């Protein structure tokens, strides 16, 4: 009889900026979160790339990765992800090659092709980025080539990357990247925490089309979920009001700092139950330990993913750390069952 497969669990960090919380405190909180996640058995701590958003401070993603890696010991630090069309493949290879040498066997490279911002800002980052969007599969190949020792005889090299071990992951929020990840035999990460609509279709494509590669013998999938766990349902609902207001800002284009939580009012309940927001937050698990566990078990049964990566937009740091502890208990119980 084969041994039961454990489900790994990880953190997706956006270095969310709360109202009246300065950036240096935000970064200190990210470090504390990473250390706590490490002590609780989380596998990875990934940082997302976003730009021109007052509520998100993970814009210089590799800089923050290096800082957090230096403050932790064993948890894997990665990008969830680097938005490749914003960058030169050579520079990405040099940055991650450097990180891989500084922190051996601890760095992950997650690559996506969305801008991570609005179109005006995307143009300011790189005016020719749309050419890169269409070349996304080719640029993945280019980065992989820079990491090979065999690249030493070519005219353009990322010497700090050659021979360095940095696993690559393809990120997606639609079916497009599922084809890319499958064809290249790479792990696939789906952003179901904010774009759940095509989760099952994308995963079906990935598993059906997967081609074994030198990087991966069989498919490996990760899916994103939002978790706000507390000691009671009432407390979790109150904490979640910060996230509700943040998501409303995303939907309406009225972005603001993460707000302090308030009591759940009829207006906020109406917002929470809005069909558009419900669709976006289909995989948001807000509640006490038992409810979060039930929803997580159901999600894992439905998707069959190898790993979940958790986003938690929570204003108070102590509430965020408590949520992480509760979810760690949930996953340990699920894996032990």
C-alpha atoms as a PDB file:
ATOM      1  CA  UNK A   1       0.000   0.000   0.000  1.00  0.00           C
ATOM      2  CA  UNK A   2       1.448   3.383  -1.031  1.00  0.00           C
ATOM      3  CA  UNK A   3       2.175   6.019   1.538  1.00  0.00           C
ATOM      4  CA  UNK A   4      -0.333   8.854   1.762  1.00  0.00           C
ATOM      5  CA  UNK A   5       0.897  12.066   0.127  1.00  0.00           C
ATOM      6  CA  UNK A   6       1.118  15.070   2.397  1.00  0.00           C
ATOM      7  CA  UNK A   7      -0.177  18.392   1.121  1.00  0.00           C
ATOM      8  CA  UNK A   8       2.354  21.191   1.500  1.00  0.00           C
ATOM      9  CA  UNK A   9       1.218  24.669   2.491  1.00  0.00           C
ATOM     10  CA  UNK A  10       2.888  28.006   1.844  1.00  0.00           C
ATOM     11  CA  UNK A  11       2.476  31.778   2.229  1.00  0.00           C
ATOM     12  CA  UNK A  12       1.871  34.339  -0.510  1.00  0.00           C
ATOM     13  CA  UNK A  13       3.060  37.695   0.819  1.00  0.00           C
ATOM     14  CA  UNK A  14       2.230  41.068  -0.736  1.00  0.00           C
ATOM     15  CA  UNK A  15       3.714  43.191   2.071  1.00  0.00           C
ATOM     16  CA  UNK A  16       0.296  44.807   2.416  1.00  0.00           C
ATOM     17  CA  UNK A  17       0.420  48.390   3.673  1.00  0.00           C
ATOM     18  CA  UNK A  18      -2.155  49.183   6.320  1.00  0.00           C
ATOM     19  CA  UNK A  19      -3.571  52.603   7.111  1.00  0.00           C
ATOM     20  CA  UNK A  20      -1.064  54.554   9.268  1.00  0.00           C
ATOM     21  CA  UNK A  21       1.549  51.763   9.040  1.00  0.00           C
ATOM     22  CA  UNK A  22       4.901  52.994   7.594  1.00  0.00           C
ATOM     23  CA  UNK A  23       6.790  50.918   5.048  1.00  0.00           C
ATOM     24  CA  UNK A  24       9.629  50.003   7.394  1.00  0.00           C
ATOM     25  CA  UNK A  25       7.077  48.457   9.771  1.00  0.00           C
ATOM     26  CA  UNK A  26       5.430  46.628   6.876  1.00  0.00           C
ATOM     27  CA  UNK A  27       8.781  45.050   5.992  1.00  0.00           C
ATOM     28  CA  UNK A  28       9.472  44.170   9.631  1.00  0.00           C
ATOM     29  CA  UNK A  29       6.055  42.494   9.732  1.00  0.00           C
ATOM     30  CA  UNK A  30       6.905  40.506   6.596  1.00  0.00           C
ATOM     31  CA  UNK A  31      10.069  39.228   8.240  1.00  0.00           C
ATOM     32  CA  UNK A  32       8.162  38.257  11.385  1.00  0.00           C
ATOM     33  CA  UNK A  33       5.560  36.505   9.256  1.00  0.00           C
ATOM     34  CA  UNK A  34       8.244  34.553   7.395  1.00  0.00           C
ATOM     35  CA  UNK A  35       9.919  33.490  10.632  1.00  0.00           C
ATOM     36  CA  UNK A  36       6.581  32.424  12.082  1.00  0.00           C
ATOM     37  CA  UNK A  37       5.685  30.494   8.920  1.00  0.00           C
ATOM     38  CA  UNK A  38       9.057  28.768   9.055  1.00  0.00           C
ATOM     39  CA  UNK A  39       8.449  27.658  12.644  1.00  0.00           C
ATOM     40  CA  UNK A  40       4.954  26.399  11.751  1.00  0.00           C
ATOM     41  CA  UNK A  41       5.985  24.103   8.909  1.00  0.00           C
ATOM     42  CA  UNK A  42       5.048  26.259   5.917  1.00  0.00           C
ATOM     43  CA  UNK A  43       7.128  25.217   2.906  1.00  0.00           C
ATOM     44  CA  UNK A  44       7.529  28.502   1.041  1.00  0.00           C
ATOM     45  CA  UNK A  45       7.260  32.228   1.547  1.00  0.00           C
ATOM     46  CA  UNK A  46       6.616  33.847  -1.816  1.00  0.00           C
ATOM     47  CA  UNK A  47       6.460  37.559  -2.579  1.00  0.00           C
ATOM     48  CA  UNK A  48       4.284  39.017  -5.324  1.00  0.00           C
ATOM     49  CA  UNK A  49       5.287  41.769  -7.749  1.00  0.00           C
ATOM     50  CA  UNK A  50       2.883  44.713  -7.932  1.00  0.00           C
ATOM     51  CA  UNK A  51       3.432  48.346  -8.877  1.00  0.00           C
ATOM     52  CA  UNK A  52       1.777  51.718  -8.266  1.00  0.00           C
ATOM     53  CA  UNK A  53      -0.482  50.388  -5.508  1.00  0.00           C
ATOM     54  CA  UNK A  54      -0.422  52.216  -2.176  1.00  0.00           C
ATOM     55  CA  UNK A  55      -1.565  49.070  -0.374  1.00  0.00           C
ATOM     56  CA  UNK A  56       1.228  46.785  -1.626  1.00  0.00           C
ATOM     57  CA  UNK A  57       4.950  47.228  -0.875  1.00  0.00           C
ATOM     58  CA  UNK A  58       6.440  44.136  -2.560  1.00  0.00           C
ATOM     59  CA  UNK A  59       7.280  46.021  -5.758  1.00  0.00           C
ATOM     60  CA  UNK A  60      11.066  45.491  -5.510  1.00  0.00           C
ATOM     61  CA  UNK A  61      10.447  41.772  -5.205  1.00  0.00           C
ATOM     62  CA  UNK A  62      13.961  40.325  -5.395  1.00  0.00           C
ATOM     63  CA  UNK A  63      15.307  42.951  -2.962  1.00  0.00           C
ATOM     64  CA  UNK A  64      12.688  41.980  -0.407  1.00  0.00           C
ATOM     65  CA  UNK A  65      13.285  38.276  -1.100  1.00  0.00           C
ATOM     66  CA  UNK A  66      16.955  38.678  -0.247  1.00  0.00           C
ATOM     67  CA  UNK A  67      16.185  40.591   2.955  1.00  0.00           C
ATOM     68  CA  UNK A  68      13.719  37.961   4.173  1.00  0.00           C
ATOM     69  CA  UNK A  69      15.973  35.063   3.178  1.00  0.00           C
ATOM     70  CA  UNK A  70      18.738  36.624   5.285  1.00  0.00           C
ATOM     71  CA  UNK A  71      16.416  36.701   8.310  1.00  0.00           C
ATOM     72  CA  UNK A  72      15.240  33.069   8.026  1.00  0.00           C
ATOM     73  CA  UNK A  73      16.986  29.718   8.024  1.00  0.00           C
ATOM     74  CA  UNK A  74      15.225  27.046   5.987  1.00  0.00           C
ATOM     75  CA  UNK A  75      11.874  28.123   4.544  1.00  0.00           C
ATOM     76  CA  UNK A  76      11.996  28.511   0.768  1.00  0.00           C
ATOM     77  CA  UNK A  77      11.835  32.130  -0.416  1.00  0.00           C
ATOM     78  CA  UNK A  78      10.422  32.840  -3.842  1.00  0.00           C
ATOM     79  CA  UNK A  79       8.555  35.077  -6.230  1.00  0.00           C
ATOM     80  CA  UNK A  80       4.843  34.643  -6.643  1.00  0.00           C
ATOM     81  CA  UNK A  81       5.742  35.922  -9.025  1.00  0.00           C
ATOM     82  CA  UNK A  82       8.112  37.950 -11.093  1.00  0.00           C
ATOM     83  CA  UNK A  83       6.067  39.462 -13.927  1.00  0.00           C
ATOM     84  CA  UNK A  84       8.433  38.505 -16.722  1.00  0.00           C
ATOM     85  CA  UNK A  85       7.253  41.000 -19.384  1.00  0.00           C
ATOM     86  CA  UNK A  86       8.343  43.784 -17.021  1.00  0.00           C
ATOM     87  CA  UNK A  87      11.942  42.542 -17.085  1.00  0.00           C
ATOM     88  CA  UNK A  88      14.821  41.437 -19.245  1.00  0.00           C
ATOM     89  CA  UNK A  89      15.342  37.650 -19.027  1.00  0.00           C
ATOM     90  CA  UNK A  90      19.084  38.283 -18.601  1.00  0.00           C
ATOM     91  CA  UNK A  91      18.505  40.518 -15.559  1.00  0.00           C
ATOM     92  CA  UNK A  92      16.066  38.002 -14.043  1.00  0.00           C
ATOM     93  CA  UNK A  93      18.665  35.250 -14.463  1.00  0.00           C
ATOM     94  CA  UNK A  94      21.379  37.387 -12.885  1.00  0.00           C
ATOM     95  CA  UNK A  95      19.202  38.363  -9.926  1.00  0.00           C
ATOM     96  CA  UNK A  96      17.995  34.833  -9.203  1.00  0.00           C
ATOM     97  CA  UNK A  97      21.419  33.338  -9.856  1.00  0.00           C
ATOM     98  CA  UNK A  98      22.791  35.702  -7.228  1.00  0.00           C
ATOM     99  CA  UNK A  99      20.013  34.824  -4.786  1.00  0.00           C
ATOM    100  CA  UNK A 100      20.561  31.119  -5.437  1.00  0.00           C
ATOM    101  CA  UNK A 101      24.238  31.431  -4.553  1.00  0.00           C
ATOM    102  CA  UNK A 102      23.581  33.545  -1.461  1.00  0.00           C
ATOM    103  CA  UNK A 103      20.881  31.164  -0.172  1.00  0.00           C
ATOM    104  CA  UNK A 104      21.576  27.709  -1.660  1.00  0.00           C
ATOM    105  CA  UNK A 105      18.578  25.377  -2.185  1.00  0.00           C
ATOM    106  CA  UNK A 106      16.150  27.948  -0.761  1.00  0.00           C
ATOM    107  CA  UNK A 107      15.160  30.162  -3.710  1.00  0.00           C
ATOM    108  CA  UNK A 108      12.149  29.617  -6.014  1.00  0.00           C
ATOM    109  CA  UNK A 109      11.514  31.494  -9.253  1.00  0.00           C
ATOM    110  CA  UNK A 110       7.826  31.945 -10.019  1.00  0.00           C
ATOM    111  CA  UNK A 111       7.165  33.650 -13.362  1.00  0.00           C
ATOM    112  CA  UNK A 112       3.961  35.221 -14.640  1.00  0.00           C
ATOM    113  CA  UNK A 113       3.056  37.336 -17.637  1.00  0.00           C
ATOM    114  CA  UNK A 114       0.479  39.749 -16.224  1.00  0.00           C
ATOM    115  CA  UNK A 115       1.697  43.320 -15.586  1.00  0.00           C
ATOM    116  CA  UNK A 116       0.973  43.359 -11.854  1.00  0.00           C
ATOM    117  CA  UNK A 117      -0.392  46.869 -12.264  1.00  0.00           C
ATOM    118  CA  UNK A 118      -2.536  49.094 -14.491  1.00  0.00           C
ATOM    119  CA  UNK A 119      -1.742  49.531 -18.193  1.00  0.00           C
ATOM    120  CA  UNK A 120      -0.392  53.093 -17.849  1.00  0.00           C
ATOM    121  CA  UNK A 121       2.088  51.991 -15.179  1.00  0.00           C
ATOM    122  CA  UNK A 122       2.956  48.870 -17.172  1.00  0.00           C
ATOM    123  CA  UNK A 123       3.908  51.101 -20.094  1.00  0.00           C
ATOM    124  CA  UNK A 124       6.044  53.230 -17.762  1.00  0.00           C
ATOM    125  CA  UNK A 125       7.859  50.098 -16.564  1.00  0.00           C
ATOM    126  CA  UNK A 126       8.595  48.828 -20.068  1.00  0.00           C
ATOM    127  CA  UNK A 127       7.113  50.441 -23.159  1.00  0.00           C
ATOM    128  CA  UNK A 128       7.645  47.336 -25.311  1.00  0.00           C
ATOM    129  CA  UNK A 129       6.247  44.886 -22.753  1.00  0.00           C
ATOM    130  CA  UNK A 130       3.517  43.564 -25.079  1.00  0.00           C
ATOM    131  CA  UNK A 131       6.208  42.088 -27.328  1.00  0.00           C
ATOM    132  CA  UNK A 132       7.509  40.265 -24.277  1.00  0.00           C
ATOM    133  CA  UNK A 133       4.005  39.032 -23.359  1.00  0.00           C
ATOM    134  CA  UNK A 134       3.775  37.205 -26.673  1.00  0.00           C
ATOM    135  CA  UNK A 135       7.312  35.825 -26.218  1.00  0.00           C
ATOM    136  CA  UNK A 136       6.635  34.537 -22.681  1.00  0.00           C
ATOM    137  CA  UNK A 137       7.385  30.838 -23.501  1.00  0.00           C
ATOM    138  CA  UNK A 138      10.541  31.824 -25.399  1.00  0.00           C
ATOM    139  CA  UNK A 139      11.758  34.032 -22.553  1.00  0.00           C
ATOM    140  CA  UNK A 140      11.302  31.153 -20.103  1.00  0.00           C
ATOM    141  CA  UNK A 141      13.599  29.107 -22.366  1.00  0.00           C
ATOM    142  CA  UNK A 142      16.057  31.994 -22.412  1.00  0.00           C
ATOM    143  CA  UNK A 143      16.223  32.151 -18.606  1.00  0.00           C
ATOM    144  CA  UNK A 144      16.668  28.396 -18.362  1.00  0.00           C
ATOM    145  CA  UNK A 145      19.540  28.614 -20.832  1.00  0.00           C
ATOM    146  CA  UNK A 146      21.305  31.251 -18.731  1.00  0.00           C
ATOM    147  CA  UNK A 147      21.291  28.829 -15.770  1.00  0.00           C
ATOM    148  CA  UNK A 148      22.984  26.007 -17.691  1.00  0.00           C
ATOM    149  CA  UNK A 149      26.714  25.393 -17.435  1.00  0.00           C
ATOM    150  CA  UNK A 150      26.671  24.734 -21.181  1.00  0.00           C
ATOM    151  CA  UNK A 151      25.911  28.418 -21.773  1.00  0.00           C
ATOM    152  CA  UNK A 152      29.543  29.275 -21.051  1.00  0.00           C
ATOM    153  CA  UNK A 153      30.529  29.391 -24.731  1.00  0.00           C
ATOM    154  CA  UNK A 154      27.819  31.846 -25.840  1.00  0.00           C
ATOM    155  CA  UNK A 155      28.334  35.570 -26.360  1.00  0.00           C
ATOM    156  CA  UNK A 156      25.716  36.623 -23.770  1.00  0.00           C
ATOM    157  CA  UNK A 157      25.988  34.992 -20.360  1.00  0.00           C
ATOM    158  CA  UNK A 158      24.559  35.370 -16.877  1.00  0.00           C
ATOM    159  CA  UNK A 159      27.707  34.064 -15.252  1.00  0.00           C
ATOM    160  CA  UNK A 160      26.350  34.293 -11.712  1.00  0.00           C
ATOM    161  CA  UNK A 161      23.485  31.964 -12.697  1.00  0.00           C
ATOM    162  CA  UNK A 162      25.388  29.214 -14.496  1.00  0.00           C
ATOM    163  CA  UNK A 163      25.049  25.933 -12.619  1.00  0.00           C
ATOM    164  CA  UNK A 164      22.976  27.468  -9.804  1.00  0.00           C
ATOM    165  CA  UNK A 165      19.929  25.469  -8.683  1.00  0.00           C
ATOM    166  CA  UNK A 166      16.796  27.656  -8.722  1.00  0.00           C
ATOM    167  CA  UNK A 167      13.527  25.799  -9.493  1.00  0.00           C
ATOM    168  CA  UNK A 168      11.163  27.588 -11.888  1.00  0.00           C
ATOM    169  CA  UNK A 169       7.364  27.751 -11.577  1.00  0.00           C
ATOM    170  CA  UNK A 170       4.854  28.999 -14.162  1.00  0.00           C
ATOM    171  CA  UNK A 171       2.067  31.182 -12.736  1.00  0.00           C
ATOM    172  CA  UNK A 172      -1.329  31.743 -14.276  1.00  0.00           C
ATOM    173  CA  UNK A 173      -4.838  33.053 -13.713  1.00  0.00           C
ATOM    174  CA  UNK A 174      -6.319  31.685 -16.959  1.00  0.00           C
ATOM    175  CA  UNK A 175      -5.754  28.656 -19.177  1.00  0.00           C
ATOM    176  CA  UNK A 176      -2.947  30.203 -21.270  1.00  0.00           C
ATOM    177  CA  UNK A 177      -0.088  29.482 -18.876  1.00  0.00           C
ATOM    178  CA  UNK A 178      -1.372  25.958 -18.217  1.00  0.00           C
ATOM    179  CA  UNK A 179      -0.382  25.016 -21.775  1.00  0.00           C
ATOM    180  CA  UNK A 180       3.056  26.599 -21.266  1.00  0.00           C
ATOM    181  CA  UNK A 181       3.745  24.862 -17.940  1.00  0.00           C
ATOM    182  CA  UNK A 182       2.618  21.501 -19.322  1.00  0.00           C
ATOM    183  CA  UNK A 183       4.648  21.733 -22.526  1.00  0.00           C
ATOM    184  CA  UNK A 184       7.806  22.696 -20.635  1.00  0.00           C
ATOM    185  CA  UNK A 185       7.361  20.139 -17.849  1.00  0.00           C
ATOM    186  CA  UNK A 186       7.356  22.778 -15.103  1.00  0.00           C
ATOM    187  CA  UNK A 187       5.301  23.150 -11.897  1.00  0.00           C
ATOM    188  CA  UNK A 188       2.107  25.154 -12.321  1.00  0.00           C
ATOM    189  CA  UNK A 189       0.667  27.695  -9.871  1.00  0.00           C
ATOM    190  CA  UNK A 190      -2.885  28.987 -10.315  1.00  0.00           C
ATOM    191  CA  UNK A 191      -4.120  32.278  -8.828  1.00  0.00           C
ATOM    192  CA  UNK A 192      -7.443  30.908  -7.617  1.00  0.00           C
ATOM    193  CA  UNK A 193      -7.291  33.222  -4.607  1.00  0.00           C
ATOM    194  CA  UNK A 194      -8.457  36.108  -6.831  1.00  0.00           C
ATOM    195  CA  UNK A 195      -9.278  34.570 -10.253  1.00  0.00           C
ATOM    196  CA  UNK A 196     -11.020  31.242  -9.609  1.00  0.00           C
ATOM    197  CA  UNK A 197     -13.157  31.030 -12.751  1.00  0.00           C
ATOM    198  CA  UNK A 198     -10.827  28.892 -14.866  1.00  0.00           C
ATOM    199  CA  UNK A 199      -9.127  26.915 -12.090  1.00  0.00           C
ATOM    200  CA  UNK A 200     -10.491  23.484 -13.013  1.00  0.00           C
ATOM    201  CA  UNK A 201     -10.151  23.987 -16.751  1.00  0.00           C
ATOM    202  CA  UNK A 202      -6.551  25.141 -16.353  1.00  0.00           C
ATOM    203  CA  UNK A 203      -5.645  22.230 -14.088  1.00  0.00           C
ATOM    204  CA  UNK A 204      -7.257  19.742 -16.490  1.00  0.00           C
ATOM    205  CA  UNK A 205      -5.167  21.157 -19.354  1.00  0.00           C
ATOM    206  CA  UNK A 206      -1.999  21.082 -17.281  1.00  0.00           C
ATOM    207  CA  UNK A 207      -2.385  17.449 -16.202  1.00  0.00           C
ATOM    208  CA  UNK A 208      -3.572  16.243 -19.615  1.00  0.00           C
ATOM    209  CA  UNK A 209      -0.824  17.950 -21.607  1.00  0.00           C
ATOM    210  CA  UNK A 210       2.061  17.586 -19.135  1.00  0.00           C
ATOM    211  CA  UNK A 211       5.357  16.444 -20.685  1.00  0.00           C
ATOM    212  CA  UNK A 212       8.054  15.093 -18.341  1.00  0.00           C
ATOM    213  CA  UNK A 213      11.234  17.166 -18.439  1.00  0.00           C
ATOM    214  CA  UNK A 214      14.679  17.372 -16.903  1.00  0.00           C
ATOM    215  CA  UNK A 215      13.044  19.550 -14.223  1.00  0.00           C
ATOM    216  CA  UNK A 216       9.998  17.454 -13.321  1.00  0.00           C
ATOM    217  CA  UNK A 217       8.977  13.817 -13.871  1.00  0.00           C
ATOM    218  CA  UNK A 218       5.274  14.324 -13.177  1.00  0.00           C
ATOM    219  CA  UNK A 219       2.908  17.290 -12.763  1.00  0.00           C
ATOM    220  CA  UNK A 220       3.127  19.438  -9.656  1.00  0.00           C
ATOM    221  CA  UNK A 221       0.326  21.910  -8.974  1.00  0.00           C
ATOM    222  CA  UNK A 222      -0.169  24.724  -6.473  1.00  0.00           C
ATOM    223  CA  UNK A 223      -3.370  26.727  -5.999  1.00  0.00           C
ATOM    224  CA  UNK A 224      -3.960  29.970  -4.129  1.00  0.00           C
ATOM    225  CA  UNK A 225      -6.554  30.478  -1.415  1.00  0.00           C
ATOM    226  CA  UNK A 226      -7.402  33.323   0.954  1.00  0.00           C
ATOM    227  CA  UNK A 227      -7.557  32.418   4.629  1.00  0.00           C
ATOM    228  CA  UNK A 228      -8.671  34.544   7.565  1.00  0.00           C
ATOM    229  CA  UNK A 229      -8.813  32.239  10.571  1.00  0.00           C
ATOM    230  CA  UNK A 230      -9.589  33.284  14.143  1.00  0.00           C
ATOM    231  CA  UNK A 231     -10.695  31.740  17.416  1.00  0.00           C
ATOM    232  CA  UNK A 232     -14.358  32.485  16.644  1.00  0.00           C
ATOM    233  CA  UNK A 233     -16.497  33.086  13.583  1.00  0.00           C
ATOM    234  CA  UNK A 234     -17.470  36.510  14.875  1.00  0.00           C
ATOM    235  CA  UNK A 235     -13.837  37.539  15.271  1.00  0.00           C
ATOM    236  CA  UNK A 236     -12.931  36.225  11.808  1.00  0.00           C
ATOM    237  CA  UNK A 237     -15.823  38.134  10.253  1.00  0.00           C
ATOM    238  CA  UNK A 238     -14.667  41.353  11.900  1.00  0.00           C
ATOM    239  CA  UNK A 239     -11.057  40.856  10.787  1.00  0.00           C
ATOM    240  CA  UNK A 240     -12.251  40.164   7.240  1.00  0.00           C
ATOM    241  CA  UNK A 241     -13.827  43.619   6.900  1.00  0.00           C
ATOM    242  CA  UNK A 242     -10.373  45.010   6.053  1.00  0.00           C
ATOM    243  CA  UNK A 243     -10.024  42.568   3.172  1.00  0.00           C
ATOM    244  CA  UNK A 244     -13.583  43.214   1.973  1.00  0.00           C
ATOM    245  CA  UNK A 245     -12.912  46.927   1.663  1.00  0.00           C
ATOM    246  CA  UNK A 246      -9.602  46.242  -0.087  1.00  0.00           C
ATOM    247  CA  UNK A 247     -11.256  43.966  -2.661  1.00  0.00           C
ATOM    248  CA  UNK A 248     -13.972  46.547  -3.284  1.00  0.00           C
ATOM    249  CA  UNK A 249     -11.204  49.030  -4.049  1.00  0.00           C
ATOM    250  CA  UNK A 250      -9.642  46.568  -6.509  1.00  0.00           C
ATOM    251  CA  UNK A 251     -12.980  46.040  -8.273  1.00  0.00           C
ATOM    252  CA  UNK A 252     -13.811  49.757  -8.485  1.00  0.00           C
ATOM    253  CA  UNK A 253     -10.295  51.024  -9.206  1.00  0.00           C
ATOM    254  CA  UNK A 254     -10.337  53.031  -5.975  1.00  0.00           C
ATOM    255  CA  UNK A 255      -7.242  51.569  -4.357  1.00  0.00           C
ATOM    256  CA  UNK A 256      -6.429  52.565  -0.796  1.00  0.00           C
ATOM    257  CA  UNK A 257      -4.431  51.416   2.204  1.00  0.00           C
ATOM    258  CA  UNK A 258      -5.696  48.343   4.038  1.00  0.00           C
ATOM    259  CA  UNK A 259      -8.202  49.699   6.536  1.00  0.00           C
ATOM    260  CA  UNK A 260      -8.584  48.855  10.198  1.00  0.00           C
ATOM    261  CA  UNK A 261     -11.223  46.174  10.837  1.00  0.00           C
ATOM    262  CA  UNK A 262     -14.667  47.193  12.028  1.00  0.00           C
ATOM    263  CA  UNK A 263     -17.734  45.344  13.235  1.00  0.00           C
ATOM    264  CA  UNK A 264     -19.567  43.552  10.421  1.00  0.00           C
ATOM    265  CA  UNK A 265     -22.434  45.893   9.475  1.00  0.00           C
ATOM    266  CA  UNK A 266     -25.457  45.224   7.230  1.00  0.00           C
ATOM    267  CA  UNK A 267     -23.770  47.274   4.483  1.00  0.00           C
ATOM    268  CA  UNK A 268     -20.613  45.150   4.692  1.00  0.00           C
ATOM    269  CA  UNK A 269     -22.672  41.952   4.700  1.00  0.00           C
ATOM    270  CA  UNK A 270     -24.384  43.180   1.542  1.00  0.00           C
ATOM    271  CA  UNK A 271     -20.956  43.895   0.026  1.00  0.00           C
ATOM    272  CA  UNK A 272     -19.673  40.464   1.052  1.00  0.00           C
ATOM    273  CA  UNK A 273     -22.689  38.819  -0.587  1.00  0.00           C
ATOM    274  CA  UNK A 274     -22.363  40.787  -3.832  1.00  0.00           C
ATOM    275  CA  UNK A 275     -22.296  38.202  -6.678  1.00  0.00           C
ATOM    276  CA  UNK A 276     -19.231  39.735  -8.357  1.00  0.00           C
ATOM    277  CA  UNK A 277     -17.252  39.746  -5.115  1.00  0.00           C
ATOM    278  CA  UNK A 278     -18.478  36.239  -4.279  1.00  0.00           C
ATOM    279  CA  UNK A 279     -17.154  34.976  -7.599  1.00  0.00           C
ATOM    280  CA  UNK A 280     -13.778  36.640  -7.079  1.00  0.00           C
ATOM    281  CA  UNK A 281     -13.507  35.364  -3.497  1.00  0.00           C
ATOM    282  CA  UNK A 282     -14.891  31.881  -4.115  1.00  0.00           C
ATOM    283  CA  UNK A 283     -11.877  30.383  -2.390  1.00  0.00           C
ATOM    284  CA  UNK A 284     -11.726  32.711   0.606  1.00  0.00           C
ATOM    285  CA  UNK A 285     -12.063  30.796   3.852  1.00  0.00           C
ATOM    286  CA  UNK A 286     -13.115  33.068   6.725  1.00  0.00           C
ATOM    287  CA  UNK A 287     -13.985  31.551  10.058  1.00  0.00           C
ATOM    288  CA  UNK A 288     -12.907  29.580  13.073  1.00  0.00           C
ATOM    289  CA  UNK A 289     -10.621  26.572  12.837  1.00  0.00           C
ATOM    290  CA  UNK A 290     -13.377  24.045  12.161  1.00  0.00           C
ATOM    291  CA  UNK A 291     -14.941  26.013   9.320  1.00  0.00           C
ATOM    292  CA  UNK A 292     -11.598  26.760   7.701  1.00  0.00           C
ATOM    293  CA  UNK A 293     -10.684  23.095   7.960  1.00  0.00           C
ATOM    294  CA  UNK A 294     -13.942  21.973   6.337  1.00  0.00           C
ATOM    295  CA  UNK A 295     -13.518  24.419   3.452  1.00  0.00           C
ATOM    296  CA  UNK A 296      -9.859  23.459   2.989  1.00  0.00           C
ATOM    297  CA  UNK A 297     -10.628  19.729   2.943  1.00  0.00           C
ATOM    298  CA  UNK A 298     -13.335  20.335   0.355  1.00  0.00           C
ATOM    299  CA  UNK A 299     -11.001  22.454  -1.769  1.00  0.00           C
ATOM    300  CA  UNK A 300      -8.268  19.823  -1.696  1.00  0.00           C
ATOM    301  CA  UNK A 301     -10.704  17.047  -2.611  1.00  0.00           C
ATOM    302  CA  UNK A 302     -12.124  19.040  -5.514  1.00  0.00           C
ATOM    303  CA  UNK A 303      -8.804  20.174  -6.972  1.00  0.00           C
ATOM    304  CA  UNK A 304      -6.340  17.401  -6.108  1.00  0.00           C
ATOM    305  CA  UNK A 305      -3.530  19.963  -5.991  1.00  0.00           C
ATOM    306  CA  UNK A 306      -0.154  19.115  -4.484  1.00  0.00           C
ATOM    307  CA  UNK A 307       0.090  22.304  -2.457  1.00  0.00           C
ATOM    308  CA  UNK A 308      -1.871  25.354  -1.339  1.00  0.00           C
ATOM    309  CA  UNK A 309      -0.450  28.848  -1.057  1.00  0.00           C
ATOM    310  CA  UNK A 310      -2.246  31.202   1.293  1.00  0.00           C
ATOM    311  CA  UNK A 311      -2.875  34.937   1.082  1.00  0.00           C
ATOM    312  CA  UNK A 312      -4.215  36.702   4.176  1.00  0.00           C
ATOM    313  CA  UNK A 313      -5.002  40.412   3.996  1.00  0.00           C
ATOM    314  CA  UNK A 314      -5.284  41.212   7.706  1.00  0.00           C
ATOM    315  CA  UNK A 315      -4.660  44.625   9.272  1.00  0.00           C
ATOM    316  CA  UNK A 316      -3.307  43.757  12.718  1.00  0.00           C
ATOM    317  CA  UNK A 317      -0.077  41.756  12.741  1.00  0.00           C
ATOM    318  CA  UNK A 318      -1.093  39.700  15.793  1.00  0.00           C
ATOM    319  CA  UNK A 319      -4.289  38.637  13.995  1.00  0.00           C
ATOM    320  CA  UNK A 320      -2.315  37.666  10.908  1.00  0.00           C
ATOM    321  CA  UNK A 321       0.121  35.559  12.904  1.00  0.00           C
ATOM    322  CA  UNK A 322      -2.756  33.900  14.763  1.00  0.00           C
ATOM    323  CA  UNK A 323      -4.459  33.071  11.453  1.00  0.00           C
ATOM    324  CA  UNK A 324      -1.228  31.502  10.197  1.00  0.00           C
ATOM    325  CA  UNK A 325      -0.958  29.375  13.333  1.00  0.00           C
ATOM    326  CA  UNK A 326      -4.551  28.168  13.049  1.00  0.00           C
ATOM    327  CA  UNK A 327      -4.131  27.268   9.380  1.00  0.00           C
ATOM    328  CA  UNK A 328      -0.926  25.390  10.152  1.00  0.00           C
ATOM    329  CA  UNK A 329      -2.875  23.333  12.729  1.00  0.00           C
ATOM    330  CA  UNK A 330      -5.555  22.713  10.094  1.00  0.00           C
ATOM    331  CA  UNK A 331      -3.025  21.415   7.560  1.00  0.00           C
ATOM    332  CA  UNK A 332      -1.240  19.254  10.107  1.00  0.00           C
ATOM    333  CA  UNK A 333      -4.548  17.674  11.083  1.00  0.00           C
ATOM    334  CA  UNK A 334      -5.497  17.132   7.432  1.00  0.00           C
ATOM    335  CA  UNK A 335      -2.136  15.504   6.693  1.00  0.00           C
ATOM    336  CA  UNK A 336      -2.367  13.318   9.799  1.00  0.00           C
ATOM    337  CA  UNK A 337      -5.914  12.158   9.088  1.00  0.00           C
END
